[in-house]
Amino acid sequence: ADRAGRILRRTLRGQESQIARRSDYAGNLARLKNAVGEALCVVFHED
């Protein structure tokens, strides 16, 4: 819990960029759609 809490706080402060980048659905999807167009399928994990 201690280590995870520190990483969470660092993420929220912008100090864990690899975590933030993977959490950026808006940016990632925009880049994917622009690059691959109709070759992209998006689904919800829950579905």
ModelCIF file with pLDDT and N, C-alpha, C, O atoms, coordinates in Angstrom:
data_MODEL
#
_entry.id   MODEL 
#
_entity.id                         1 
_entity.type                       polymer 
_entity.pdbx_number_of_molecules   1 
#
_entity_poly.entity_id                      1 
_entity_poly.type                           'polypeptide(L)' 
_entity_poly.nstd_linkage                   no 
_entity_poly.nstd_monomer                   no 
_entity_poly.pdbx_seq_one_letter_code       ADRAGRILRRTLRGQESQIARRSDYAGNLARLKNAVGEALCVVFHED 
_entity_poly.pdbx_seq_one_letter_code_can   ADRAGRILRRTLRGQESQIARRSDYAGNLARLKNAVGEALCVVFHED 
_entity_poly.pdbx_strand_id                 A 
#
loop_
_entity_poly_seq.entity_id 
_entity_poly_seq.num 
_entity_poly_seq.mon_id 
_entity_poly_seq.hetero 
1 1  ALA n 
1 2  ASP n 
1 3  ARG n 
1 4  ALA n 
1 5  GLY n 
1 6  ARG n 
1 7  ILE n 
1 8  LEU n 
1 9  ARG n 
1 10 ARG n 
1 11 THR n 
1 12 LEU n 
1 13 ARG n 
1 14 GLY n 
1 15 GLN n 
1 16 GLU n 
1 17 SER n 
1 18 GLN n 
1 19 ILE n 
1 20 ALA n 
1 21 ARG n 
1 22 ARG n 
1 23 SER n 
1 24 ASP n 
1 25 TYR n 
1 26 ALA n 
1 27 GLY n 
1 28 ASN n 
1 29 LEU n 
1 30 ALA n 
1 31 ARG n 
1 32 LEU n 
1 33 LYS n 
1 34 ASN n 
1 35 ALA n 
1 36 VAL n 
1 37 GLY n 
1 38 GLU n 
1 39 ALA n 
1 40 LEU n 
1 41 CYS n 
1 42 VAL n 
1 43 VAL n 
1 44 PHE n 
1 45 HIS n 
1 46 GLU n 
1 47 ASP n 
#
_struct_asym.id          A 
_struct_asym.entity_id   1 
#
loop_
_ma_qa_metric.id 
_ma_qa_metric.mode 
_ma_qa_metric.name 
_ma_qa_metric.software_group_id 
_ma_qa_metric.type 
1 global pLDDT . pLDDT 
2 local  pLDDT . pLDDT 
#
_ma_qa_metric_global.metric_id      1 
_ma_qa_metric_global.metric_value   94.70 
_ma_qa_metric_global.model_id       1 
_ma_qa_metric_global.ordinal_id     1 
#
loop_
_ma_qa_metric_local.label_asym_id 
_ma_qa_metric_local.label_comp_id 
_ma_qa_metric_local.label_seq_id 
_ma_qa_metric_local.metric_id 
_ma_qa_metric_local.metric_value 
_ma_qa_metric_local.model_id 
_ma_qa_metric_local.ordinal_id 
A ALA 1  2 96.00 1 1  
A ASP 2  2 96.00 1 2  
A ARG 3  2 96.00 1 3  
A ALA 4  2 97.00 1 4  
A GLY 5  2 98.00 1 5  
A ARG 6  2 97.00 1 6  
A ILE 7  2 98.00 1 7  
A LEU 8  2 98.00 1 8  
A ARG 9  2 98.00 1 9  
A ARG 10 2 97.00 1 10 
A THR 11 2 97.00 1 11 
A LEU 12 2 97.00 1 12 
A ARG 13 2 97.00 1 13 
A GLY 14 2 95.00 1 14 
A GLN 15 2 96.00 1 15 
A GLU 16 2 94.00 1 16 
A SER 17 2 92.00 1 17 
A GLN 18 2 91.00 1 18 
A ILE 19 2 93.00 1 19 
A ALA 20 2 93.00 1 20 
A ARG 21 2 93.00 1 21 
A ARG 22 2 92.00 1 22 
A SER 23 2 92.00 1 23 
A ASP 24 2 96.00 1 24 
A TYR 25 2 96.00 1 25 
A ALA 26 2 96.00 1 26 
A GLY 27 2 95.00 1 27 
A ASN 28 2 95.00 1 28 
A LEU 29 2 95.00 1 29 
A ALA 30 2 95.00 1 30 
A ARG 31 2 94.00 1 31 
A LEU 32 2 94.00 1 32 
A LYS 33 2 95.00 1 33 
A ASN 34 2 96.00 1 34 
A ALA 35 2 95.00 1 35 
A VAL 36 2 95.00 1 36 
A GLY 37 2 94.00 1 37 
A GLU 38 2 94.00 1 38 
A ALA 39 2 95.00 1 39 
A LEU 40 2 95.00 1 40 
A CYS 41 2 95.00 1 41 
A VAL 42 2 95.00 1 42 
A VAL 43 2 94.00 1 43 
A PHE 44 2 94.00 1 44 
A HIS 45 2 91.00 1 45 
A GLU 46 2 87.00 1 46 
A ASP 47 2 87.00 1 47 
#
loop_
_atom_site.group_PDB 
_atom_site.id 
_atom_site.type_symbol 
_atom_site.label_atom_id 
_atom_site.label_alt_id 
_atom_site.label_comp_id 
_atom_site.label_asym_id 
_atom_site.label_entity_id 
_atom_site.label_seq_id 
_atom_site.pdbx_PDB_ins_code 
_atom_site.Cartn_x 
_atom_site.Cartn_y 
_atom_site.Cartn_z 
_atom_site.occupancy 
_atom_site.B_iso_or_equiv 
_atom_site.pdbx_formal_charge 
_atom_site.auth_seq_id 
_atom_site.auth_comp_id 
_atom_site.auth_asym_id 
_atom_site.auth_atom_id 
_atom_site.pdbx_PDB_model_num 
ATOM 1   N N  . ALA A 1 1  ? 0.831   -1.204 0.000   1.00 96.00 ? 1  ALA A N  1 
ATOM 2   C CA . ALA A 1 1  ? 0.000   0.000  0.000   1.00 96.00 ? 1  ALA A CA 1 
ATOM 3   C C  . ALA A 1 1  ? 0.865   1.253  0.000   1.00 96.00 ? 1  ALA A C  1 
ATOM 4   O O  . ALA A 1 1  ? 0.523   2.247  -0.641  1.00 96.00 ? 1  ALA A O  1 
ATOM 5   N N  . ASP A 1 2  ? 1.983   1.206  0.717   1.00 96.00 ? 2  ASP A N  1 
ATOM 6   C CA . ASP A 1 2  ? 2.873   2.362  0.793   1.00 96.00 ? 2  ASP A CA 1 
ATOM 7   C C  . ASP A 1 2  ? 3.466   2.681  -0.582  1.00 96.00 ? 2  ASP A C  1 
ATOM 8   O O  . ASP A 1 2  ? 3.424   3.828  -1.027  1.00 96.00 ? 2  ASP A O  1 
ATOM 9   N N  . ARG A 1 3  ? 4.011   1.676  -1.246  1.00 96.00 ? 3  ARG A N  1 
ATOM 10  C CA . ARG A 1 3  ? 4.633   1.884  -2.561  1.00 96.00 ? 3  ARG A CA 1 
ATOM 11  C C  . ARG A 1 3  ? 3.582   2.317  -3.586  1.00 96.00 ? 3  ARG A C  1 
ATOM 12  O O  . ARG A 1 3  ? 3.810   3.256  -4.349  1.00 96.00 ? 3  ARG A O  1 
ATOM 13  N N  . ALA A 1 4  ? 2.447   1.646  -3.604  1.00 97.00 ? 4  ALA A N  1 
ATOM 14  C CA . ALA A 1 4  ? 1.394   1.997  -4.561  1.00 97.00 ? 4  ALA A CA 1 
ATOM 15  C C  . ALA A 1 4  ? 0.884   3.415  -4.313  1.00 97.00 ? 4  ALA A C  1 
ATOM 16  O O  . ALA A 1 4  ? 0.626   4.159  -5.260  1.00 97.00 ? 4  ALA A O  1 
ATOM 17  N N  . GLY A 1 5  ? 0.740   3.787  -3.055  1.00 98.00 ? 5  GLY A N  1 
ATOM 18  C CA . GLY A 1 5  ? 0.299   5.142  -2.721  1.00 98.00 ? 5  GLY A CA 1 
ATOM 19  C C  . GLY A 1 5  ? 1.279   6.200  -3.191  1.00 98.00 ? 5  GLY A C  1 
ATOM 20  O O  . GLY A 1 5  ? 0.876   7.250  -3.690  1.00 98.00 ? 5  GLY A O  1 
ATOM 21  N N  . ARG A 1 6  ? 2.568   5.924  -3.035  1.00 97.00 ? 6  ARG A N  1 
ATOM 22  C CA . ARG A 1 6  ? 3.587   6.885  -3.512  1.00 97.00 ? 6  ARG A CA 1 
ATOM 23  C C  . ARG A 1 6  ? 3.530   7.016  -5.023  1.00 97.00 ? 6  ARG A C  1 
ATOM 24  O O  . ARG A 1 6  ? 3.617   8.123  -5.556  1.00 97.00 ? 6  ARG A O  1 
ATOM 25  N N  . ILE A 1 7  ? 3.384   5.891  -5.719  1.00 98.00 ? 7  ILE A N  1 
ATOM 26  C CA . ILE A 1 7  ? 3.308   5.940  -7.183  1.00 98.00 ? 7  ILE A CA 1 
ATOM 27  C C  . ILE A 1 7  ? 2.048   6.687  -7.615  1.00 98.00 ? 7  ILE A C  1 
ATOM 28  O O  . ILE A 1 7  ? 2.085   7.465  -8.568  1.00 98.00 ? 7  ILE A O  1 
ATOM 29  N N  . LEU A 1 8  ? 0.953   6.460  -6.934  1.00 98.00 ? 8  LEU A N  1 
ATOM 30  C CA . LEU A 1 8  ? -0.281  7.177  -7.247  1.00 98.00 ? 8  LEU A CA 1 
ATOM 31  C C  . LEU A 1 8  ? -0.078  8.680  -7.074  1.00 98.00 ? 8  LEU A C  1 
ATOM 32  O O  . LEU A 1 8  ? -0.459  9.456  -7.950  1.00 98.00 ? 8  LEU A O  1 
ATOM 33  N N  . ARG A 1 9  ? 0.511   9.096  -5.971  1.00 98.00 ? 9  ARG A N  1 
ATOM 34  C CA . ARG A 1 9  ? 0.741   10.529 -5.738  1.00 98.00 ? 9  ARG A CA 1 
ATOM 35  C C  . ARG A 1 9  ? 1.667   11.109 -6.803  1.00 98.00 ? 9  ARG A C  1 
ATOM 36  O O  . ARG A 1 9  ? 1.442   12.219 -7.286  1.00 98.00 ? 9  ARG A O  1 
ATOM 37  N N  . ARG A 1 10 ? 2.701   10.365 -7.167  1.00 97.00 ? 10 ARG A N  1 
ATOM 38  C CA . ARG A 1 10 ? 3.615   10.828 -8.218  1.00 97.00 ? 10 ARG A CA 1 
ATOM 39  C C  . ARG A 1 10 ? 2.881   10.940 -9.561  1.00 97.00 ? 10 ARG A C  1 
ATOM 40  O O  . ARG A 1 10 ? 3.121   11.872 -10.328 1.00 97.00 ? 10 ARG A O  1 
ATOM 41  N N  . THR A 1 11 ? 2.000   9.997  -9.834  1.00 97.00 ? 11 THR A N  1 
ATOM 42  C CA . THR A 1 11 ? 1.225   10.030 -11.079 1.00 97.00 ? 11 THR A CA 1 
ATOM 43  C C  . THR A 1 11 ? 0.354   11.275 -11.127 1.00 97.00 ? 11 THR A C  1 
ATOM 44  O O  . THR A 1 11 ? 0.315   11.970 -12.143 1.00 97.00 ? 11 THR A O  1 
ATOM 45  N N  . LEU A 1 12 ? -0.336  11.558 -10.045 1.00 97.00 ? 12 LEU A N  1 
ATOM 46  C CA . LEU A 1 12 ? -1.220  12.719 -9.997  1.00 97.00 ? 12 LEU A CA 1 
ATOM 47  C C  . LEU A 1 12 ? -0.452  14.034 -10.104 1.00 97.00 ? 12 LEU A C  1 
ATOM 48  O O  . LEU A 1 12 ? -1.003  15.042 -10.546 1.00 97.00 ? 12 LEU A O  1 
ATOM 49  N N  . ARG A 1 13 ? 0.820   14.026 -9.700  1.00 97.00 ? 13 ARG A N  1 
ATOM 50  C CA . ARG A 1 13 ? 1.660   15.227 -9.815  1.00 97.00 ? 13 ARG A CA 1 
ATOM 51  C C  . ARG A 1 13 ? 2.358   15.320 -11.172 1.00 97.00 ? 13 ARG A C  1 
ATOM 52  O O  . ARG A 1 13 ? 3.093   16.273 -11.428 1.00 97.00 ? 13 ARG A O  1 
ATOM 53  N N  . GLY A 1 14 ? 2.130   14.334 -12.040 1.00 95.00 ? 14 GLY A N  1 
ATOM 54  C CA . GLY A 1 14 ? 2.747   14.356 -13.364 1.00 95.00 ? 14 GLY A CA 1 
ATOM 55  C C  . GLY A 1 14 ? 4.154   13.810 -13.403 1.00 95.00 ? 14 GLY A C  1 
ATOM 56  O O  . GLY A 1 14 ? 4.897   14.094 -14.343 1.00 95.00 ? 14 GLY A O  1 
ATOM 57  N N  . GLN A 1 15 ? 4.543   13.031 -12.401 1.00 96.00 ? 15 GLN A N  1 
ATOM 58  C CA . GLN A 1 15 ? 5.905   12.513 -12.323 1.00 96.00 ? 15 GLN A CA 1 
ATOM 59  C C  . GLN A 1 15 ? 6.033   11.057 -12.762 1.00 96.00 ? 15 GLN A C  1 
ATOM 60  O O  . GLN A 1 15 ? 7.120   10.484 -12.684 1.00 96.00 ? 15 GLN A O  1 
ATOM 61  N N  . GLU A 1 16 ? 4.956   10.463 -13.215 1.00 94.00 ? 16 GLU A N  1 
ATOM 62  C CA . GLU A 1 16 ? 4.977   9.077  -13.729 1.00 94.00 ? 16 GLU A CA 1 
ATOM 63  C C  . GLU A 1 16 ? 4.394   9.122  -15.143 1.00 94.00 ? 16 GLU A C  1 
ATOM 64  O O  . GLU A 1 16 ? 3.270   8.681  -15.384 1.00 94.00 ? 16 GLU A O  1 
ATOM 65  N N  . SER A 1 17 ? 5.177   9.658  -16.060 1.00 92.00 ? 17 SER A N  1 
ATOM 66  C CA . SER A 1 17 ? 4.656   9.931  -17.402 1.00 92.00 ? 17 SER A CA 1 
ATOM 67  C C  . SER A 1 17 ? 4.206   8.673  -18.145 1.00 92.00 ? 17 SER A C  1 
ATOM 68  O O  . SER A 1 17 ? 3.251   8.727  -18.921 1.00 92.00 ? 17 SER A O  1 
ATOM 69  N N  . GLN A 1 18 ? 4.882   7.537  -17.917 1.00 91.00 ? 18 GLN A N  1 
ATOM 70  C CA . GLN A 1 18 ? 4.477   6.315  -18.631 1.00 91.00 ? 18 GLN A CA 1 
ATOM 71  C C  . GLN A 1 18 ? 3.087   5.862  -18.205 1.00 91.00 ? 18 GLN A C  1 
ATOM 72  O O  . GLN A 1 18 ? 2.341   5.309  -19.012 1.00 91.00 ? 18 GLN A O  1 
ATOM 73  N N  . ILE A 1 19 ? 2.739   6.089  -16.958 1.00 93.00 ? 19 ILE A N  1 
ATOM 74  C CA . ILE A 1 19 ? 1.400   5.735  -16.480 1.00 93.00 ? 19 ILE A CA 1 
ATOM 75  C C  . ILE A 1 19 ? 0.383   6.714  -17.057 1.00 93.00 ? 19 ILE A C  1 
ATOM 76  O O  . ILE A 1 19 ? -0.680  6.302  -17.521 1.00 93.00 ? 19 ILE A O  1 
ATOM 77  N N  . ALA A 1 20 ? 0.696   7.976  -17.032 1.00 93.00 ? 20 ALA A N  1 
ATOM 78  C CA . ALA A 1 20 ? -0.220  8.987  -17.565 1.00 93.00 ? 20 ALA A CA 1 
ATOM 79  C C  . ALA A 1 20 ? -0.469  8.770  -19.058 1.00 93.00 ? 20 ALA A C  1 
ATOM 80  O O  . ALA A 1 20 ? -1.607  8.883  -19.514 1.00 93.00 ? 20 ALA A O  1 
ATOM 81  N N  . ARG A 1 21 ? 0.566   8.464  -19.815 1.00 93.00 ? 21 ARG A N  1 
ATOM 82  C CA . ARG A 1 21 ? 0.398   8.268  -21.260 1.00 93.00 ? 21 ARG A CA 1 
ATOM 83  C C  . ARG A 1 21 ? -0.521  7.095  -21.562 1.00 93.00 ? 21 ARG A C  1 
ATOM 84  O O  . ARG A 1 21 ? -1.332  7.172  -22.485 1.00 93.00 ? 21 ARG A O  1 
ATOM 85  N N  . ARG A 1 22 ? -0.413  6.035  -20.820 1.00 92.00 ? 22 ARG A N  1 
ATOM 86  C CA . ARG A 1 22 ? -1.266  4.862  -21.048 1.00 92.00 ? 22 ARG A CA 1 
ATOM 87  C C  . ARG A 1 22 ? -2.713  5.122  -20.605 1.00 92.00 ? 22 ARG A C  1 
ATOM 88  O O  . ARG A 1 22 ? -3.628  4.403  -21.007 1.00 92.00 ? 22 ARG A O  1 
ATOM 89  N N  . SER A 1 23 ? -2.908  6.137  -19.790 1.00 92.00 ? 23 SER A N  1 
ATOM 90  C CA . SER A 1 23 ? -4.236  6.489  -19.301 1.00 92.00 ? 23 SER A CA 1 
ATOM 91  C C  . SER A 1 23 ? -4.928  7.528  -20.178 1.00 92.00 ? 23 SER A C  1 
ATOM 92  O O  . SER A 1 23 ? -6.069  7.905  -19.913 1.00 92.00 ? 23 SER A O  1 
ATOM 93  N N  . ASP A 1 24 ? -4.254  7.982  -21.201 1.00 96.00 ? 24 ASP A N  1 
ATOM 94  C CA . ASP A 1 24 ? -4.785  9.053  -22.062 1.00 96.00 ? 24 ASP A CA 1 
ATOM 95  C C  . ASP A 1 24 ? -5.568  8.474  -23.231 1.00 96.00 ? 24 ASP A C  1 
ATOM 96  O O  . ASP A 1 24 ? -5.081  8.450  -24.362 1.00 96.00 ? 24 ASP A O  1 
ATOM 97  N N  . TYR A 1 25 ? -6.788  8.006  -22.955 1.00 96.00 ? 25 TYR A N  1 
ATOM 98  C CA . TYR A 1 25 ? -7.614  7.442  -24.015 1.00 96.00 ? 25 TYR A CA 1 
ATOM 99  C C  . TYR A 1 25 ? -7.847  8.461  -25.133 1.00 96.00 ? 25 TYR A C  1 
ATOM 100 O O  . TYR A 1 25 ? -7.791  8.108  -26.311 1.00 96.00 ? 25 TYR A O  1 
ATOM 101 N N  . ALA A 1 26 ? -8.104  9.704  -24.779 1.00 96.00 ? 26 ALA A N  1 
ATOM 102 C CA . ALA A 1 26 ? -8.397  10.725 -25.786 1.00 96.00 ? 26 ALA A CA 1 
ATOM 103 C C  . ALA A 1 26 ? -7.216  10.898 -26.743 1.00 96.00 ? 26 ALA A C  1 
ATOM 104 O O  . ALA A 1 26 ? -7.402  10.889 -27.960 1.00 96.00 ? 26 ALA A O  1 
ATOM 105 N N  . GLY A 1 27 ? -6.029  11.050 -26.217 1.00 95.00 ? 27 GLY A N  1 
ATOM 106 C CA . GLY A 1 27 ? -4.847  11.234 -27.062 1.00 95.00 ? 27 GLY A CA 1 
ATOM 107 C C  . GLY A 1 27 ? -4.492  9.984  -27.848 1.00 95.00 ? 27 GLY A C  1 
ATOM 108 O O  . GLY A 1 27 ? -4.172  10.057 -29.035 1.00 95.00 ? 27 GLY A O  1 
ATOM 109 N N  . ASN A 1 28 ? -4.548  8.837  -27.184 1.00 95.00 ? 28 ASN A N  1 
ATOM 110 C CA . ASN A 1 28 ? -4.194  7.586  -27.857 1.00 95.00 ? 28 ASN A CA 1 
ATOM 111 C C  . ASN A 1 28 ? -5.174  7.265  -28.980 1.00 95.00 ? 28 ASN A C  1 
ATOM 112 O O  . ASN A 1 28 ? -4.763  6.861  -30.068 1.00 95.00 ? 28 ASN A O  1 
ATOM 113 N N  . LEU A 1 29 ? -6.451  7.442  -28.724 1.00 95.00 ? 29 LEU A N  1 
ATOM 114 C CA . LEU A 1 29 ? -7.444  7.134  -29.753 1.00 95.00 ? 29 LEU A CA 1 
ATOM 115 C C  . LEU A 1 29 ? -7.381  8.121  -30.917 1.00 95.00 ? 29 LEU A C  1 
ATOM 116 O O  . LEU A 1 29 ? -7.557  7.730  -32.071 1.00 95.00 ? 29 LEU A O  1 
ATOM 117 N N  . ALA A 1 30 ? -7.133  9.382  -30.624 1.00 95.00 ? 30 ALA A N  1 
ATOM 118 C CA . ALA A 1 30 ? -7.009  10.364 -31.709 1.00 95.00 ? 30 ALA A CA 1 
ATOM 119 C C  . ALA A 1 30 ? -5.842  9.994  -32.624 1.00 95.00 ? 30 ALA A C  1 
ATOM 120 O O  . ALA A 1 30 ? -5.967  10.039 -33.847 1.00 95.00 ? 30 ALA A O  1 
ATOM 121 N N  . ARG A 1 31 ? -4.716  9.633  -32.029 1.00 94.00 ? 31 ARG A N  1 
ATOM 122 C CA . ARG A 1 31 ? -3.536  9.254  -32.808 1.00 94.00 ? 31 ARG A CA 1 
ATOM 123 C C  . ARG A 1 31 ? -3.803  7.984  -33.617 1.00 94.00 ? 31 ARG A C  1 
ATOM 124 O O  . ARG A 1 31 ? -3.455  7.909  -34.795 1.00 94.00 ? 31 ARG A O  1 
ATOM 125 N N  . LEU A 1 32 ? -4.423  6.986  -32.980 1.00 94.00 ? 32 LEU A N  1 
ATOM 126 C CA . LEU A 1 32 ? -4.744  5.740  -33.672 1.00 94.00 ? 32 LEU A CA 1 
ATOM 127 C C  . LEU A 1 32 ? -5.715  5.970  -34.830 1.00 94.00 ? 32 LEU A C  1 
ATOM 128 O O  . LEU A 1 32 ? -5.479  5.498  -35.941 1.00 94.00 ? 32 LEU A O  1 
ATOM 129 N N  . LYS A 1 33 ? -6.801  6.691  -34.575 1.00 95.00 ? 33 LYS A N  1 
ATOM 130 C CA . LYS A 1 33 ? -7.792  6.945  -35.626 1.00 95.00 ? 33 LYS A CA 1 
ATOM 131 C C  . LYS A 1 33 ? -7.164  7.695  -36.796 1.00 95.00 ? 33 LYS A C  1 
ATOM 132 O O  . LYS A 1 33 ? -7.413  7.373  -37.958 1.00 95.00 ? 33 LYS A O  1 
ATOM 133 N N  . ASN A 1 34 ? -6.367  8.674  -36.485 1.00 96.00 ? 34 ASN A N  1 
ATOM 134 C CA . ASN A 1 34 ? -5.719  9.456  -37.535 1.00 96.00 ? 34 ASN A CA 1 
ATOM 135 C C  . ASN A 1 34 ? -4.765  8.603  -38.359 1.00 96.00 ? 34 ASN A C  1 
ATOM 136 O O  . ASN A 1 34 ? -4.660  8.781  -39.572 1.00 96.00 ? 34 ASN A O  1 
ATOM 137 N N  . ALA A 1 35 ? -4.074  7.683  -37.712 1.00 95.00 ? 35 ALA A N  1 
ATOM 138 C CA . ALA A 1 35 ? -3.054  6.887  -38.406 1.00 95.00 ? 35 ALA A CA 1 
ATOM 139 C C  . ALA A 1 35 ? -3.627  5.669  -39.132 1.00 95.00 ? 35 ALA A C  1 
ATOM 140 O O  . ALA A 1 35 ? -3.154  5.324  -40.215 1.00 95.00 ? 35 ALA A O  1 
ATOM 141 N N  . VAL A 1 36 ? -4.627  5.018  -38.559 1.00 95.00 ? 36 VAL A N  1 
ATOM 142 C CA . VAL A 1 36 ? -5.076  3.743  -39.140 1.00 95.00 ? 36 VAL A CA 1 
ATOM 143 C C  . VAL A 1 36 ? -6.524  3.754  -39.617 1.00 95.00 ? 36 VAL A C  1 
ATOM 144 O O  . VAL A 1 36 ? -6.952  2.812  -40.283 1.00 95.00 ? 36 VAL A O  1 
ATOM 145 N N  . GLY A 1 37 ? -7.280  4.783  -39.296 1.00 94.00 ? 37 GLY A N  1 
ATOM 146 C CA . GLY A 1 37 ? -8.640  4.939  -39.808 1.00 94.00 ? 37 GLY A CA 1 
ATOM 147 C C  . GLY A 1 37 ? -9.548  3.761  -39.519 1.00 94.00 ? 37 GLY A C  1 
ATOM 148 O O  . GLY A 1 37 ? -9.703  3.348  -38.370 1.00 94.00 ? 37 GLY A O  1 
ATOM 149 N N  . GLU A 1 38 ? -10.150 3.219  -40.577 1.00 94.00 ? 38 GLU A N  1 
ATOM 150 C CA . GLU A 1 38 ? -11.132 2.145  -40.452 1.00 94.00 ? 38 GLU A CA 1 
ATOM 151 C C  . GLU A 1 38 ? -10.526 0.814  -39.997 1.00 94.00 ? 38 GLU A C  1 
ATOM 152 O O  . GLU A 1 38 ? -11.261 -0.122 -39.682 1.00 94.00 ? 38 GLU A O  1 
ATOM 153 N N  . ALA A 1 39 ? -9.215  0.724  -39.961 1.00 95.00 ? 39 ALA A N  1 
ATOM 154 C CA . ALA A 1 39 ? -8.573  -0.507 -39.486 1.00 95.00 ? 39 ALA A CA 1 
ATOM 155 C C  . ALA A 1 39 ? -8.666  -0.636 -37.970 1.00 95.00 ? 39 ALA A C  1 
ATOM 156 O O  . ALA A 1 39 ? -8.249  -1.647 -37.405 1.00 95.00 ? 39 ALA A O  1 
ATOM 157 N N  . LEU A 1 40 ? -9.218  0.399  -37.302 1.00 95.00 ? 40 LEU A N  1 
ATOM 158 C CA . LEU A 1 40 ? -9.313  0.409  -35.847 1.00 95.00 ? 40 LEU A CA 1 
ATOM 159 C C  . LEU A 1 40 ? -10.700 -0.002 -35.384 1.00 95.00 ? 40 LEU A C  1 
ATOM 160 O O  . LEU A 1 40 ? -11.710 0.488  -35.891 1.00 95.00 ? 40 LEU A O  1 
ATOM 161 N N  . CYS A 1 41 ? -10.737 -0.906 -34.416 1.00 95.00 ? 41 CYS A N  1 
ATOM 162 C CA . CYS A 1 41 ? -11.972 -1.305 -33.743 1.00 95.00 ? 41 CYS A CA 1 
ATOM 163 C C  . CYS A 1 41 ? -11.786 -0.998 -32.259 1.00 95.00 ? 41 CYS A C  1 
ATOM 164 O O  . CYS A 1 41 ? -10.774 -1.369 -31.664 1.00 95.00 ? 41 CYS A O  1 
ATOM 165 N N  . VAL A 1 42 ? -12.760 -0.325 -31.670 1.00 95.00 ? 42 VAL A N  1 
ATOM 166 C CA . VAL A 1 42 ? -12.706 0.028  -30.253 1.00 95.00 ? 42 VAL A CA 1 
ATOM 167 C C  . VAL A 1 42 ? -13.841 -0.694 -29.538 1.00 95.00 ? 42 VAL A C  1 
ATOM 168 O O  . VAL A 1 42 ? -14.995 -0.618 -29.960 1.00 95.00 ? 42 VAL A O  1 
ATOM 169 N N  . VAL A 1 43 ? -13.515 -1.387 -28.466 1.00 94.00 ? 43 VAL A N  1 
ATOM 170 C CA . VAL A 1 43 ? -14.525 -2.086 -27.666 1.00 94.00 ? 43 VAL A CA 1 
ATOM 171 C C  . VAL A 1 43 ? -14.282 -1.814 -26.185 1.00 94.00 ? 43 VAL A C  1 
ATOM 172 O O  . VAL A 1 43 ? -13.163 -1.525 -25.759 1.00 94.00 ? 43 VAL A O  1 
ATOM 173 N N  . PHE A 1 44 ? -15.353 -1.914 -25.424 1.00 94.00 ? 44 PHE A N  1 
ATOM 174 C CA . PHE A 1 44 ? -15.240 -1.808 -23.976 1.00 94.00 ? 44 PHE A CA 1 
ATOM 175 C C  . PHE A 1 44 ? -14.862 -3.174 -23.415 1.00 94.00 ? 44 PHE A C  1 
ATOM 176 O O  . PHE A 1 44 ? -15.405 -4.199 -23.829 1.00 94.00 ? 44 PHE A O  1 
ATOM 177 N N  . HIS A 1 45 ? -13.943 -3.176 -22.487 1.00 91.00 ? 45 HIS A N  1 
ATOM 178 C CA . HIS A 1 45 ? -13.522 -4.404 -21.811 1.00 91.00 ? 45 HIS A CA 1 
ATOM 179 C C  . HIS A 1 45 ? -14.725 -5.159 -21.267 1.00 91.00 ? 45 HIS A C  1 
ATOM 180 O O  . HIS A 1 45 ? -14.802 -6.384 -21.369 1.00 91.00 ? 45 HIS A O  1 
ATOM 181 N N  . GLU A 1 46 ? -15.659 -4.419 -20.692 1.00 87.00 ? 46 GLU A N  1 
ATOM 182 C CA . GLU A 1 46 ? -16.836 -5.030 -20.064 1.00 87.00 ? 46 GLU A CA 1 
ATOM 183 C C  . GLU A 1 46 ? -17.716 -5.757 -21.082 1.00 87.00 ? 46 GLU A C  1 
ATOM 184 O O  . GLU A 1 46 ? -18.479 -6.649 -20.709 1.00 87.00 ? 46 GLU A O  1 
ATOM 185 N N  . ASP A 1 47 ? -17.619 -5.389 -22.359 1.00 87.00 ? 47 ASP A N  1 
ATOM 186 C CA . ASP A 1 47 ? -18.441 -6.016 -23.401 1.00 87.00 ? 47 ASP A CA 1 
ATOM 187 C C  . ASP A 1 47 ? -17.764 -7.235 -24.037 1.00 87.00 ? 47 ASP A C  1 
ATOM 188 O O  . ASP A 1 47 ? -18.335 -7.864 -24.928 1.00 87.00 ? 47 ASP A O  1 
#
